């Protein structure tokens, strides 16, 4: 049986990868992806700019954590309905992905960020 509260929390994922600059196969190991309160604040600010509402509204509805067993960030959102939670989690993951891609554009390692939408 599914708890009703579980339907109000949905998680999207930002998976990390490496694109080889020479077109070959890339290999990398990730031991832990650290998150900070700044990640949540930046994500909330981007969502507020895009969708309106106050930054604090998004901060209280989102959790960003290192995903277990994969190179990724897990973005969990709380919403009034399952669809609202799903949409917010996916939008927040897209915001993080965009922010990371922009900030790492000059990195010679060519990191990639793939959003796996909340279901």
Protein backbone atom coordinates (compact mmCIF):
# COMPACT_ATOMS: atom_id res chain seq x y z
CA UNK A 1 0.00 0.00 0.00
CA UNK A 2 1.29 3.46 -0.91
CA UNK A 3 1.25 6.16 1.74
CA UNK A 4 -0.66 9.26 0.59
CA UNK A 5 2.30 11.48 1.57
CA UNK A 6 4.55 9.59 -0.88
CA UNK A 7 2.38 10.85 -3.74
CA UNK A 8 3.12 14.43 -2.74
CA UNK A 9 6.91 13.96 -2.97
CA UNK A 10 8.54 13.27 -6.33
CA UNK A 11 12.21 13.01 -7.28
CA UNK A 12 13.98 13.94 -10.51
CA UNK A 13 17.67 13.23 -11.13
CA UNK A 14 20.53 15.18 -12.72
CA UNK A 15 22.98 12.52 -13.90
CA UNK A 16 26.60 13.47 -14.49
CA UNK A 17 28.69 12.23 -17.39
CA UNK A 18 31.85 13.02 -19.30
CA UNK A 19 32.01 13.62 -23.02
CA UNK A 20 35.47 12.80 -24.37
CA UNK A 21 37.01 15.63 -26.37
CA UNK A 22 38.55 13.21 -28.88
CA UNK A 23 35.30 11.37 -29.68
CA UNK A 24 36.49 8.22 -27.90
CA UNK A 25 35.12 6.55 -24.82
CA UNK A 26 35.27 8.40 -21.52
CA UNK A 27 35.69 6.78 -18.17
CA UNK A 28 35.46 8.43 -14.81
CA UNK A 29 34.80 7.55 -11.21
CA UNK A 30 32.73 9.57 -8.79
CA UNK A 31 33.08 8.89 -5.11
CA UNK A 32 30.69 11.49 -3.79
CA UNK A 33 28.98 14.58 -5.11
CA UNK A 34 28.75 17.14 -2.38
CA UNK A 35 25.83 19.48 -2.16
CA UNK A 36 25.58 22.69 -0.23
CA UNK A 37 22.82 25.06 0.86
CA UNK A 38 23.95 27.27 -2.03
CA UNK A 39 22.73 24.63 -4.50
CA UNK A 40 19.23 24.91 -3.09
CA UNK A 41 19.32 28.71 -3.00
CA UNK A 42 20.57 29.01 -6.59
CA UNK A 43 17.96 26.54 -7.81
CA UNK A 44 15.19 28.38 -5.93
CA UNK A 45 16.36 31.70 -7.39
CA UNK A 46 16.32 30.29 -10.94
CA UNK A 47 12.83 28.87 -10.43
CA UNK A 48 11.58 32.16 -8.97
CA UNK A 49 12.94 34.04 -12.00
CA UNK A 50 11.28 31.61 -14.39
CA UNK A 51 7.99 30.80 -12.67
CA UNK A 52 7.43 33.60 -10.18
CA UNK A 53 6.72 33.13 -6.44
CA UNK A 54 9.21 33.84 -3.69
CA UNK A 55 12.58 32.12 -3.45
CA UNK A 56 11.67 30.95 0.06
CA UNK A 57 8.62 29.11 -1.31
CA UNK A 58 10.84 26.97 -3.52
CA UNK A 59 13.48 26.47 -0.84
CA UNK A 60 10.89 25.03 1.52
CA UNK A 61 9.51 22.65 -1.13
CA UNK A 62 12.83 21.26 -2.45
CA UNK A 63 15.57 18.95 -1.23
CA UNK A 64 18.78 18.43 -3.20
CA UNK A 65 21.08 15.57 -2.26
CA UNK A 66 23.78 13.38 -3.71
CA UNK A 67 22.19 10.32 -5.29
CA UNK A 68 23.30 6.95 -3.98
CA UNK A 69 25.27 4.55 -6.17
CA UNK A 70 25.33 6.84 -9.23
CA UNK A 71 26.99 10.09 -10.25
CA UNK A 72 23.94 12.28 -9.85
CA UNK A 73 22.00 14.75 -7.79
CA UNK A 74 18.54 13.79 -6.56
CA UNK A 75 16.05 16.65 -6.55
CA UNK A 76 12.98 15.92 -4.43
CA UNK A 77 10.00 18.25 -4.46
CA UNK A 78 6.93 18.48 -2.32
CA UNK A 79 3.72 19.56 -4.02
CA UNK A 80 0.03 19.86 -3.26
CA UNK A 81 -0.66 17.16 -5.84
CA UNK A 82 1.49 14.42 -7.37
CA UNK A 83 1.56 16.33 -10.69
CA UNK A 84 2.66 19.54 -8.96
CA UNK A 85 5.45 17.71 -7.13
CA UNK A 86 6.53 15.95 -10.33
CA UNK A 87 6.59 19.21 -12.28
CA UNK A 88 8.53 21.09 -9.60
CA UNK A 89 11.11 18.31 -9.20
CA UNK A 90 11.69 18.15 -12.95
CA UNK A 91 11.82 21.95 -13.36
CA UNK A 92 14.30 22.20 -10.48
CA UNK A 93 16.48 19.45 -11.99
CA UNK A 94 16.43 21.31 -15.32
CA UNK A 95 17.46 24.53 -13.53
CA UNK A 96 20.38 22.79 -11.78
CA UNK A 97 21.47 21.12 -15.02
CA UNK A 98 21.42 24.43 -16.88
CA UNK A 99 23.32 26.19 -14.10
CA UNK A 100 25.99 23.47 -13.93
CA UNK A 101 26.41 23.39 -17.72
CA UNK A 102 26.82 27.17 -17.85
CA UNK A 103 29.37 27.21 -15.02
CA UNK A 104 31.39 24.34 -16.45
CA UNK A 105 31.33 25.42 -20.10
CA UNK A 106 35.04 26.24 -20.10
CA UNK A 107 36.09 23.07 -18.23
CA UNK A 108 38.26 20.93 -20.56
CA UNK A 109 36.71 17.76 -19.15
CA UNK A 110 33.36 18.39 -20.93
CA UNK A 111 30.97 17.28 -18.22
CA UNK A 112 27.44 16.48 -19.32
CA UNK A 113 24.28 16.76 -17.25
CA UNK A 114 21.22 14.69 -18.11
CA UNK A 115 17.88 15.28 -16.43
CA UNK A 116 15.80 12.22 -15.66
CA UNK A 117 12.31 13.59 -15.03
CA UNK A 118 10.29 12.68 -11.96
CA UNK A 119 7.63 10.04 -12.52
